[in-house]
Amino acid sequence: MDALKEWKLPQQSKVTIVLLQELVERKNSEKQYKAKSQTYGYFLAFILLAMGGVVWYELDHSTSFFISELSMRSLPIMLIISGVITYFQLRKYSKKSKKAEDEFESLRLEIIDRSDELFKDQKQWESRHDVFDYLKETYDINLYYK
C-alpha cells in the first residue's frame, strides 16, 4: 500500500493502512477465486458439450453403443473422468470464492462503520474521500456506502 504515499495522499495511521492493505488483498483474493471458478465452469461446459457430441456421433453412426473402435471407447471414459474432476474443482473454487467474497464484504463494512475511528484528525477526515476515490479507481473498492 505504498501507493498511498506515492499518490501523495495525506498521512494515515498505521492501523488504517494495515486495514486498507488487508482490504486490497482480500479483493484480489476474491477476484482470483472468481476467475478460477469461471474458468472451471467454462471447461465443464466444454466437456459436457464434447460428451454430448460423442454420444450423438455414436448414436448416429453405430449400431452398437461405444463399441466401434478402441480409441472411441476410451474417449467417453476420459471425458467422464475429466468432467467429474472439473465438477469437483468448480465446486471447490465456488465455495472459496463465496468465502473470500464474504470476508471481503465484512472487512469493507467494518471499515465503513469505523471510518470515524480510522480517520481521527480533522485533516484526515476531510481528505478521506481522496483515499476512497483512489481505492475505487484503482481496485474497484467502494467505501462510500454500505
N, C-alpha and C. Protein backbone atom coordinates (compact mmCIF):
# COMPACT_ATOMS: atom_id res chain seq x y z
N MET A 1 0.83 -1.18 0.00
CA MET A 1 0.00 0.00 0.00
C MET A 1 0.87 1.24 0.00
N ASP A 2 2.06 1.11 -0.53
CA ASP A 2 2.92 2.27 -0.68
C ASP A 2 2.32 3.26 -1.66
N ALA A 3 1.35 2.81 -2.40
CA ALA A 3 0.70 3.68 -3.37
C ALA A 3 0.02 4.85 -2.68
N LEU A 4 -0.40 4.67 -1.44
CA LEU A 4 -0.98 5.80 -0.72
C LEU A 4 0.04 6.91 -0.57
N LYS A 5 1.29 6.53 -0.34
CA LYS A 5 2.35 7.54 -0.22
C LYS A 5 2.73 8.07 -1.59
N GLU A 6 2.82 7.17 -2.56
CA GLU A 6 3.19 7.59 -3.91
C GLU A 6 2.15 8.51 -4.52
N TRP A 7 0.90 8.28 -4.19
CA TRP A 7 -0.18 9.08 -4.77
C TRP A 7 -0.33 10.40 -4.03
N LYS A 8 0.52 10.58 -3.04
CA LYS A 8 0.56 11.80 -2.23
C LYS A 8 -0.75 12.05 -1.50
N LEU A 9 -1.30 10.97 -0.97
CA LEU A 9 -2.47 11.11 -0.12
C LEU A 9 -2.00 11.52 1.27
N PRO A 10 -2.86 12.13 2.03
CA PRO A 10 -2.46 12.55 3.37
C PRO A 10 -2.05 11.35 4.22
N GLN A 11 -1.17 11.60 5.17
CA GLN A 11 -0.69 10.52 6.03
C GLN A 11 -1.85 9.93 6.81
N GLN A 12 -1.89 8.63 6.81
CA GLN A 12 -2.91 7.90 7.54
C GLN A 12 -2.24 7.17 8.70
N SER A 13 -3.03 6.76 9.66
CA SER A 13 -2.47 6.00 10.77
C SER A 13 -2.08 4.61 10.29
N LYS A 14 -1.22 3.95 11.06
CA LYS A 14 -0.75 2.62 10.67
C LYS A 14 -1.89 1.61 10.65
N VAL A 15 -2.82 1.77 11.56
CA VAL A 15 -3.97 0.86 11.60
C VAL A 15 -4.79 1.02 10.32
N THR A 16 -4.99 2.22 9.88
CA THR A 16 -5.75 2.48 8.66
C THR A 16 -5.05 1.86 7.45
N ILE A 17 -3.75 2.04 7.39
CA ILE A 17 -3.00 1.50 6.25
C ILE A 17 -3.05 -0.03 6.25
N VAL A 18 -2.92 -0.64 7.43
CA VAL A 18 -2.97 -2.10 7.52
C VAL A 18 -4.35 -2.61 7.10
N LEU A 19 -5.40 -1.94 7.56
CA LEU A 19 -6.75 -2.35 7.18
C LEU A 19 -6.99 -2.19 5.67
N LEU A 20 -6.50 -1.11 5.11
CA LEU A 20 -6.67 -0.91 3.67
C LEU A 20 -5.86 -1.93 2.87
N GLN A 21 -4.67 -2.27 3.35
CA GLN A 21 -3.87 -3.31 2.69
C GLN A 21 -4.60 -4.65 2.72
N GLU A 22 -5.14 -4.97 3.87
CA GLU A 22 -5.88 -6.23 4.01
C GLU A 22 -7.12 -6.23 3.11
N LEU A 23 -7.77 -5.10 3.00
CA LEU A 23 -8.94 -4.99 2.13
C LEU A 23 -8.57 -5.22 0.67
N VAL A 24 -7.45 -4.65 0.23
CA VAL A 24 -7.00 -4.83 -1.14
C VAL A 24 -6.60 -6.29 -1.38
N GLU A 25 -5.93 -6.90 -0.40
CA GLU A 25 -5.55 -8.31 -0.54
C GLU A 25 -6.77 -9.21 -0.63
N ARG A 26 -7.77 -8.92 0.17
CA ARG A 26 -9.00 -9.73 0.11
C ARG A 26 -9.74 -9.54 -1.20
N LYS A 27 -9.71 -8.33 -1.72
CA LYS A 27 -10.35 -8.08 -3.02
C LYS A 27 -9.63 -8.86 -4.12
N ASN A 28 -8.29 -8.84 -4.09
CA ASN A 28 -7.51 -9.59 -5.08
C ASN A 28 -7.76 -11.09 -4.95
N SER A 29 -7.86 -11.58 -3.73
CA SER A 29 -8.14 -13.00 -3.50
C SER A 29 -9.52 -13.37 -4.05
N GLU A 30 -10.47 -12.50 -3.82
CA GLU A 30 -11.82 -12.75 -4.32
C GLU A 30 -11.83 -12.79 -5.85
N LYS A 31 -11.11 -11.88 -6.48
CA LYS A 31 -11.05 -11.87 -7.94
C LYS A 31 -10.39 -13.14 -8.49
N GLN A 32 -9.33 -13.59 -7.82
CA GLN A 32 -8.64 -14.80 -8.27
C GLN A 32 -9.55 -16.02 -8.18
N TYR A 33 -10.24 -16.17 -7.07
CA TYR A 33 -11.12 -17.33 -6.92
C TYR A 33 -12.30 -17.27 -7.89
N LYS A 34 -12.81 -16.08 -8.13
CA LYS A 34 -13.89 -15.95 -9.11
C LYS A 34 -13.42 -16.32 -10.51
N ALA A 35 -12.21 -15.90 -10.86
CA ALA A 35 -11.68 -16.22 -12.19
C ALA A 35 -11.46 -17.72 -12.33
N LYS A 36 -10.93 -18.36 -11.30
CA LYS A 36 -10.72 -19.81 -11.36
C LYS A 36 -12.05 -20.54 -11.45
N SER A 37 -13.02 -20.09 -10.68
CA SER A 37 -14.34 -20.71 -10.71
C SER A 37 -14.97 -20.57 -12.10
N GLN A 38 -14.84 -19.41 -12.68
CA GLN A 38 -15.39 -19.18 -14.01
C GLN A 38 -14.67 -20.03 -15.06
N THR A 39 -13.37 -20.16 -14.94
CA THR A 39 -12.60 -20.99 -15.88
C THR A 39 -13.04 -22.45 -15.80
N TYR A 40 -13.18 -22.97 -14.59
CA TYR A 40 -13.63 -24.35 -14.44
C TYR A 40 -15.06 -24.52 -14.94
N GLY A 41 -15.89 -23.50 -14.78
CA GLY A 41 -17.25 -23.57 -15.31
C GLY A 41 -17.26 -23.67 -16.83
N TYR A 42 -16.43 -22.87 -17.48
CA TYR A 42 -16.33 -22.95 -18.94
C TYR A 42 -15.77 -24.30 -19.38
N PHE A 43 -14.78 -24.78 -18.66
CA PHE A 43 -14.18 -26.05 -19.00
C PHE A 43 -15.19 -27.19 -18.85
N LEU A 44 -15.99 -27.13 -17.78
CA LEU A 44 -17.01 -28.16 -17.57
C LEU A 44 -18.06 -28.09 -18.68
N ALA A 45 -18.46 -26.91 -19.08
CA ALA A 45 -19.42 -26.78 -20.18
C ALA A 45 -18.84 -27.37 -21.47
N PHE A 46 -17.57 -27.12 -21.72
CA PHE A 46 -16.93 -27.69 -22.91
C PHE A 46 -16.92 -29.21 -22.85
N ILE A 47 -16.59 -29.76 -21.69
CA ILE A 47 -16.56 -31.22 -21.54
C ILE A 47 -17.95 -31.81 -21.75
N LEU A 48 -18.97 -31.17 -21.19
CA LEU A 48 -20.32 -31.67 -21.37
C LEU A 48 -20.75 -31.60 -22.82
N LEU A 49 -20.38 -30.54 -23.51
CA LEU A 49 -20.68 -30.46 -24.94
C LEU A 49 -19.94 -31.54 -25.72
N ALA A 50 -18.69 -31.79 -25.36
CA ALA A 50 -17.92 -32.84 -26.04
C ALA A 50 -18.54 -34.21 -25.78
N MET A 51 -18.98 -34.44 -24.55
CA MET A 51 -19.64 -35.71 -24.24
C MET A 51 -20.93 -35.87 -25.04
N GLY A 52 -21.68 -34.80 -25.14
CA GLY A 52 -22.90 -34.84 -25.95
C GLY A 52 -22.59 -35.09 -27.41
N GLY A 53 -21.52 -34.50 -27.91
CA GLY A 53 -21.12 -34.72 -29.30
C GLY A 53 -20.71 -36.16 -29.56
N VAL A 54 -19.97 -36.74 -28.61
CA VAL A 54 -19.55 -38.14 -28.75
C VAL A 54 -20.76 -39.07 -28.74
N VAL A 55 -21.68 -38.83 -27.80
CA VAL A 55 -22.89 -39.66 -27.73
C VAL A 55 -23.70 -39.51 -29.01
N TRP A 56 -23.87 -38.29 -29.47
CA TRP A 56 -24.64 -38.06 -30.69
C TRP A 56 -23.98 -38.74 -31.89
N TYR A 57 -22.65 -38.64 -31.99
CA TYR A 57 -21.92 -39.27 -33.08
C TYR A 57 -22.09 -40.79 -33.03
N GLU A 58 -21.96 -41.36 -31.85
CA GLU A 58 -22.08 -42.82 -31.71
C GLU A 58 -23.49 -43.28 -32.02
N LEU A 59 -24.48 -42.56 -31.58
CA LEU A 59 -25.86 -42.95 -31.87
C LEU A 59 -26.18 -42.82 -33.35
N ASP A 60 -25.56 -41.88 -34.00
CA ASP A 60 -25.83 -41.63 -35.41
C ASP A 60 -25.07 -42.58 -36.33
N HIS A 61 -23.87 -42.98 -35.95
CA HIS A 61 -23.01 -43.75 -36.85
C HIS A 61 -22.78 -45.20 -36.45
N SER A 62 -23.34 -45.66 -35.39
CA SER A 62 -23.03 -47.00 -34.94
C SER A 62 -24.30 -47.72 -34.54
N THR A 63 -24.29 -49.01 -34.73
CA THR A 63 -25.43 -49.80 -34.30
C THR A 63 -25.27 -50.24 -32.85
N SER A 64 -24.04 -50.40 -32.40
CA SER A 64 -23.80 -50.75 -31.00
C SER A 64 -23.14 -49.56 -30.32
N PHE A 65 -23.59 -49.24 -29.15
CA PHE A 65 -23.16 -48.03 -28.44
C PHE A 65 -21.74 -48.18 -27.92
N PHE A 66 -20.81 -47.29 -28.35
CA PHE A 66 -19.42 -47.21 -27.89
C PHE A 66 -18.62 -48.48 -28.14
N ILE A 67 -18.88 -49.20 -29.21
CA ILE A 67 -18.12 -50.42 -29.48
C ILE A 67 -17.35 -50.31 -30.80
N SER A 68 -17.36 -49.18 -31.47
CA SER A 68 -16.80 -49.10 -32.81
C SER A 68 -15.28 -49.28 -32.84
N GLU A 69 -14.53 -48.49 -32.12
CA GLU A 69 -13.07 -48.56 -32.14
C GLU A 69 -12.52 -48.47 -30.73
N LEU A 70 -11.27 -48.85 -30.60
CA LEU A 70 -10.62 -48.80 -29.29
C LEU A 70 -10.49 -47.36 -28.81
N SER A 71 -10.12 -46.47 -29.73
CA SER A 71 -9.95 -45.07 -29.32
C SER A 71 -11.29 -44.43 -28.96
N MET A 72 -12.35 -44.84 -29.60
CA MET A 72 -13.66 -44.29 -29.29
C MET A 72 -14.20 -44.84 -27.97
N ARG A 73 -13.69 -45.97 -27.51
CA ARG A 73 -14.12 -46.50 -26.22
C ARG A 73 -13.46 -45.75 -25.07
N SER A 74 -12.22 -45.33 -25.27
CA SER A 74 -11.53 -44.64 -24.19
C SER A 74 -11.90 -43.16 -24.11
N LEU A 75 -12.34 -42.57 -25.20
CA LEU A 75 -12.71 -41.15 -25.19
C LEU A 75 -13.86 -40.84 -24.24
N PRO A 76 -14.97 -41.58 -24.27
CA PRO A 76 -16.03 -41.27 -23.31
C PRO A 76 -15.60 -41.43 -21.86
N ILE A 77 -14.77 -42.42 -21.59
CA ILE A 77 -14.31 -42.64 -20.22
C ILE A 77 -13.44 -41.46 -19.78
N MET A 78 -12.56 -41.02 -20.66
CA MET A 78 -11.71 -39.86 -20.33
C MET A 78 -12.56 -38.61 -20.13
N LEU A 79 -13.57 -38.42 -20.96
CA LEU A 79 -14.45 -37.26 -20.82
C LEU A 79 -15.23 -37.31 -19.50
N ILE A 80 -15.70 -38.48 -19.14
CA ILE A 80 -16.46 -38.62 -17.89
C ILE A 80 -15.55 -38.34 -16.70
N ILE A 81 -14.36 -38.92 -16.70
CA ILE A 81 -13.42 -38.70 -15.59
C ILE A 81 -13.02 -37.23 -15.49
N SER A 82 -12.69 -36.63 -16.62
CA SER A 82 -12.31 -35.20 -16.57
C SER A 82 -13.51 -34.33 -16.21
N GLY A 83 -14.70 -34.72 -16.61
CA GLY A 83 -15.90 -33.97 -16.22
C GLY A 83 -16.15 -34.02 -14.73
N VAL A 84 -15.97 -35.19 -14.13
CA VAL A 84 -16.16 -35.33 -12.68
C VAL A 84 -15.11 -34.52 -11.93
N ILE A 85 -13.86 -34.62 -12.36
CA ILE A 85 -12.79 -33.86 -11.71
C ILE A 85 -13.05 -32.35 -11.83
N THR A 86 -13.44 -31.92 -13.02
CA THR A 86 -13.71 -30.50 -13.23
C THR A 86 -14.90 -30.03 -12.39
N TYR A 87 -15.92 -30.87 -12.27
CA TYR A 87 -17.08 -30.51 -11.46
C TYR A 87 -16.69 -30.28 -10.01
N PHE A 88 -15.87 -31.18 -9.46
CA PHE A 88 -15.47 -31.02 -8.06
C PHE A 88 -14.52 -29.84 -7.87
N GLN A 89 -13.68 -29.56 -8.85
CA GLN A 89 -12.84 -28.36 -8.79
C GLN A 89 -13.72 -27.11 -8.84
N LEU A 90 -14.73 -27.13 -9.68
CA LEU A 90 -15.65 -26.00 -9.78
C LEU A 90 -16.34 -25.76 -8.45
N ARG A 91 -16.80 -26.83 -7.82
CA ARG A 91 -17.45 -26.69 -6.51
C ARG A 91 -16.49 -26.13 -5.47
N LYS A 92 -15.26 -26.64 -5.47
CA LYS A 92 -14.25 -26.18 -4.50
C LYS A 92 -13.98 -24.69 -4.66
N TYR A 93 -13.74 -24.25 -5.90
CA TYR A 93 -13.43 -22.84 -6.11
C TYR A 93 -14.64 -21.95 -5.97
N SER A 94 -15.83 -22.46 -6.21
CA SER A 94 -17.03 -21.67 -5.96
C SER A 94 -17.20 -21.41 -4.47
N LYS A 95 -16.94 -22.43 -3.66
CA LYS A 95 -17.02 -22.24 -2.21
C LYS A 95 -15.96 -21.26 -1.72
N LYS A 96 -14.73 -21.40 -2.25
CA LYS A 96 -13.67 -20.48 -1.85
C LYS A 96 -13.98 -19.06 -2.30
N SER A 97 -14.57 -18.92 -3.47
CA SER A 97 -14.95 -17.61 -3.98
C SER A 97 -16.01 -16.97 -3.08
N LYS A 98 -16.99 -17.75 -2.68
CA LYS A 98 -18.04 -17.25 -1.80
C LYS A 98 -17.47 -16.84 -0.45
N LYS A 99 -16.57 -17.66 0.09
CA LYS A 99 -15.94 -17.33 1.38
C LYS A 99 -15.11 -16.07 1.27
N ALA A 100 -14.32 -15.95 0.20
CA ALA A 100 -13.49 -14.76 0.01
C ALA A 100 -14.36 -13.52 -0.16
N GLU A 101 -15.48 -13.66 -0.86
CA GLU A 101 -16.39 -12.53 -1.04
C GLU A 101 -16.99 -12.11 0.29
N ASP A 102 -17.39 -13.07 1.13
CA ASP A 102 -17.94 -12.74 2.44
C ASP A 102 -16.91 -12.07 3.34
N GLU A 103 -15.67 -12.57 3.32
CA GLU A 103 -14.61 -11.96 4.13
C GLU A 103 -14.32 -10.53 3.67
N PHE A 104 -14.25 -10.34 2.36
CA PHE A 104 -14.01 -9.00 1.82
C PHE A 104 -15.13 -8.05 2.22
N GLU A 105 -16.36 -8.52 2.05
CA GLU A 105 -17.51 -7.66 2.34
C GLU A 105 -17.58 -7.32 3.83
N SER A 106 -17.26 -8.27 4.70
CA SER A 106 -17.30 -7.98 6.13
C SER A 106 -16.24 -6.94 6.51
N LEU A 107 -15.04 -7.05 5.93
CA LEU A 107 -13.99 -6.06 6.22
C LEU A 107 -14.37 -4.70 5.64
N ARG A 108 -14.94 -4.68 4.46
CA ARG A 108 -15.35 -3.42 3.84
C ARG A 108 -16.39 -2.72 4.71
N LEU A 109 -17.38 -3.48 5.21
CA LEU A 109 -18.40 -2.89 6.07
C LEU A 109 -17.81 -2.44 7.40
N GLU A 110 -16.84 -3.16 7.91
CA GLU A 110 -16.18 -2.76 9.15
C GLU A 110 -15.43 -1.44 8.96
N ILE A 111 -14.75 -1.30 7.84
CA ILE A 111 -14.04 -0.05 7.57
C ILE A 111 -15.02 1.11 7.44
N ILE A 112 -16.14 0.87 6.79
CA ILE A 112 -17.14 1.93 6.65
C ILE A 112 -17.68 2.31 8.02
N ASP A 113 -17.97 1.32 8.85
CA ASP A 113 -18.51 1.60 10.19
C ASP A 113 -17.49 2.30 11.09
N ARG A 114 -16.23 1.97 10.94
CA ARG A 114 -15.19 2.53 11.81
C ARG A 114 -14.45 3.69 11.16
N SER A 115 -14.99 4.27 10.13
CA SER A 115 -14.25 5.33 9.42
C SER A 115 -13.97 6.54 10.31
N ASP A 116 -14.86 6.82 11.26
CA ASP A 116 -14.57 7.95 12.15
C ASP A 116 -13.42 7.64 13.10
N GLU A 117 -13.19 6.37 13.43
CA GLU A 117 -12.04 5.98 14.24
C GLU A 117 -10.76 5.95 13.41
N LEU A 118 -10.87 5.52 12.16
CA LEU A 118 -9.68 5.37 11.31
C LEU A 118 -9.14 6.70 10.82
N PHE A 119 -10.02 7.66 10.61
CA PHE A 119 -9.61 9.00 10.15
C PHE A 119 -9.88 9.97 11.29
N LYS A 120 -8.97 9.95 12.27
CA LYS A 120 -9.18 10.70 13.51
C LYS A 120 -9.01 12.21 13.35
N ASP A 121 -7.89 12.60 12.75
CA ASP A 121 -7.61 14.03 12.64
C ASP A 121 -8.61 14.70 11.71
N GLN A 122 -8.77 15.99 11.90
CA GLN A 122 -9.67 16.75 11.04
C GLN A 122 -9.17 16.74 9.60
N LYS A 123 -7.86 16.86 9.43
CA LYS A 123 -7.28 16.85 8.08
C LYS A 123 -7.48 15.50 7.41
N GLN A 124 -7.28 14.41 8.17
CA GLN A 124 -7.50 13.07 7.63
C GLN A 124 -8.98 12.88 7.28
N TRP A 125 -9.86 13.36 8.14
CA TRP A 125 -11.29 13.19 7.90
C TRP A 125 -11.72 13.94 6.65
N GLU A 126 -11.19 15.14 6.47
CA GLU A 126 -11.56 15.93 5.29
C GLU A 126 -10.98 15.34 4.00
N SER A 127 -9.86 14.67 4.11
CA SER A 127 -9.22 14.13 2.90
C SER A 127 -9.46 12.64 2.71
N ARG A 128 -10.35 12.04 3.49
CA ARG A 128 -10.61 10.61 3.35
C ARG A 128 -11.22 10.27 2.00
N HIS A 129 -11.93 11.24 1.42
CA HIS A 129 -12.52 10.98 0.09
C HIS A 129 -11.43 10.75 -0.95
N ASP A 130 -10.23 11.32 -0.75
CA ASP A 130 -9.12 11.03 -1.68
C ASP A 130 -8.73 9.56 -1.60
N VAL A 131 -8.69 9.04 -0.38
CA VAL A 131 -8.37 7.62 -0.20
C VAL A 131 -9.47 6.76 -0.80
N PHE A 132 -10.72 7.13 -0.55
CA PHE A 132 -11.85 6.37 -1.10
C PHE A 132 -11.85 6.40 -2.62
N ASP A 133 -11.57 7.57 -3.19
CA ASP A 133 -11.51 7.69 -4.66
C ASP A 133 -10.38 6.83 -5.23
N TYR A 134 -9.24 6.86 -4.55
CA TYR A 134 -8.10 6.07 -5.01
C TYR A 134 -8.44 4.58 -5.02
N LEU A 135 -9.05 4.10 -3.93
CA LEU A 135 -9.42 2.69 -3.86
C LEU A 135 -10.49 2.34 -4.89
N LYS A 136 -11.39 3.25 -5.14
CA LYS A 136 -12.45 3.00 -6.12
C LYS A 136 -11.87 2.92 -7.53
N GLU A 137 -11.01 3.85 -7.87
CA GLU A 137 -10.45 3.89 -9.22
C GLU A 137 -9.44 2.77 -9.46
N THR A 138 -8.59 2.50 -8.48
CA THR A 138 -7.51 1.55 -8.68
C THR A 138 -7.94 0.11 -8.46
N TYR A 139 -8.70 -0.15 -7.41
CA TYR A 139 -9.01 -1.53 -7.03
C TYR A 139 -10.50 -1.86 -7.12
N ASP A 140 -11.33 -0.91 -7.50
CA ASP A 140 -12.78 -1.10 -7.60
C ASP A 140 -13.37 -1.49 -6.25
N ILE A 141 -12.93 -0.77 -5.22
CA ILE A 141 -13.45 -0.98 -3.87
C ILE A 141 -14.21 0.27 -3.47
N ASN A 142 -15.49 0.12 -3.23
CA ASN A 142 -16.33 1.26 -2.91
C ASN A 142 -16.52 1.34 -1.39
N LEU A 143 -16.00 2.41 -0.79
CA LEU A 143 -16.13 2.61 0.65
C LEU A 143 -17.07 3.78 0.98
N TYR A 144 -17.80 4.25 0.00
CA TYR A 144 -18.68 5.39 0.26
C TYR A 144 -19.96 4.99 0.97
N TYR A 145 -20.49 3.85 0.67
CA TYR A 145 -21.73 3.44 1.32
C TYR A 145 -21.77 1.92 1.42
N LYS A 146 -22.65 1.45 2.30
CA LYS A 146 -22.80 0.01 2.53
C LYS A 146 -23.58 -0.55 1.40
